[in-house]
Amino acid sequence: MCASAPPEAPHAGMVRTALADVAPGSVPAKDVLIPSGLIIVGKGTLLSKRLIQRLKDLADLNIVTEHVWIRE
């Protein structure tokens, strides 16, 4: 069985990053959505330690994915 490759960046200057590896001060390159389509963190938002922890908590509940697109 082959492991699937991670998705390619939709645009240059974006990198798909696990929430565990996101550092405070990072900036999402794409909106972070819940399954209903509601934006919970808009692209361009400066991520604080507290906000990253909230995203991790939501990922633990399977409300958001465990990866986000971050600006390089």
Protein backbone atom coordinates (compact mmCIF):
# COMPACT_ATOMS: atom_id res chain seq x y z
CA MET A 1 0.00 0.00 0.00
CA CYS A 2 1.39 3.43 -0.94
CA ALA A 3 1.11 6.46 1.27
CA SER A 4 -0.48 9.40 -0.48
CA ALA A 5 1.60 12.49 -1.04
CA PRO A 6 0.62 15.67 0.80
CA PRO A 7 -1.38 18.11 -1.32
CA GLU A 8 0.58 20.67 -3.27
CA ALA A 9 0.33 24.34 -2.31
CA PRO A 10 -2.46 26.05 -4.23
CA HIS A 11 -0.21 29.12 -4.61
CA ALA A 12 3.48 29.89 -4.23
CA GLY A 13 4.47 31.11 -0.79
CA MET A 14 2.16 28.70 1.06
CA VAL A 15 3.18 25.67 3.07
CA ARG A 16 0.86 23.04 4.60
CA THR A 17 1.80 22.80 8.27
CA ALA A 18 0.63 20.55 11.10
CA LEU A 19 -0.94 22.53 13.93
CA ALA A 20 1.66 21.00 16.26
CA ASP A 21 4.36 22.77 14.21
CA VAL A 22 2.68 26.18 13.84
CA ALA A 23 4.57 28.87 15.73
CA PRO A 24 3.05 31.97 17.33
CA GLY A 25 3.33 34.83 14.87
CA SER A 26 2.55 32.60 11.88
CA VAL A 27 -0.08 33.82 9.42
CA PRO A 28 -2.58 31.52 7.68
CA ALA A 29 -2.52 31.78 3.89
CA LYS A 30 -6.08 30.38 3.67
CA ASP A 31 -9.15 30.70 5.88
CA VAL A 32 -9.56 27.99 8.53
CA LEU A 33 -13.09 26.61 8.24
CA ILE A 34 -15.38 24.32 10.18
CA PRO A 35 -17.33 21.69 8.17
CA SER A 36 -20.36 23.98 7.76
CA GLY A 37 -18.12 26.45 5.92
CA LEU A 38 -17.97 29.02 8.71
CA ILE A 39 -14.62 30.80 8.87
CA ILE A 40 -13.16 30.52 12.36
CA VAL A 41 -9.76 32.05 11.55
CA GLY A 42 -9.45 34.30 8.54
CA LYS A 43 -6.46 34.24 6.23
CA GLY A 44 -3.97 36.91 7.20
CA THR A 45 -4.74 36.63 10.94
CA LEU A 46 -1.68 36.75 13.18
CA LEU A 47 -1.77 33.49 15.16
CA SER A 48 -1.12 33.79 18.88
CA LYS A 49 -0.14 30.92 21.16
CA ARG A 50 -3.67 30.94 22.60
CA LEU A 51 -5.34 30.83 19.17
CA ILE A 52 -3.08 27.98 18.02
CA GLN A 53 -4.05 26.02 21.16
CA ARG A 54 -7.73 26.59 20.43
CA LEU A 55 -7.25 25.27 16.90
CA LYS A 56 -5.46 22.21 18.30
CA ASP A 57 -8.37 21.65 20.69
CA LEU A 58 -10.84 21.86 17.77
CA ALA A 59 -8.69 19.43 15.77
CA ASP A 60 -8.78 16.98 18.69
CA LEU A 61 -12.59 17.13 18.41
CA ASN A 62 -12.39 16.64 14.61
CA ILE A 63 -13.95 20.06 14.03
CA VAL A 64 -11.00 21.40 12.02
CA THR A 65 -8.20 19.59 10.19
CA GLU A 66 -4.85 19.10 11.88
CA HIS A 67 -3.06 21.03 9.11
CA VAL A 68 -3.27 24.64 7.98
CA TRP A 69 -1.82 26.56 5.05
CA ILE A 70 0.73 29.06 6.38
CA ARG A 71 2.41 31.94 4.55
CA GLU A 72 6.09 31.35 4.06
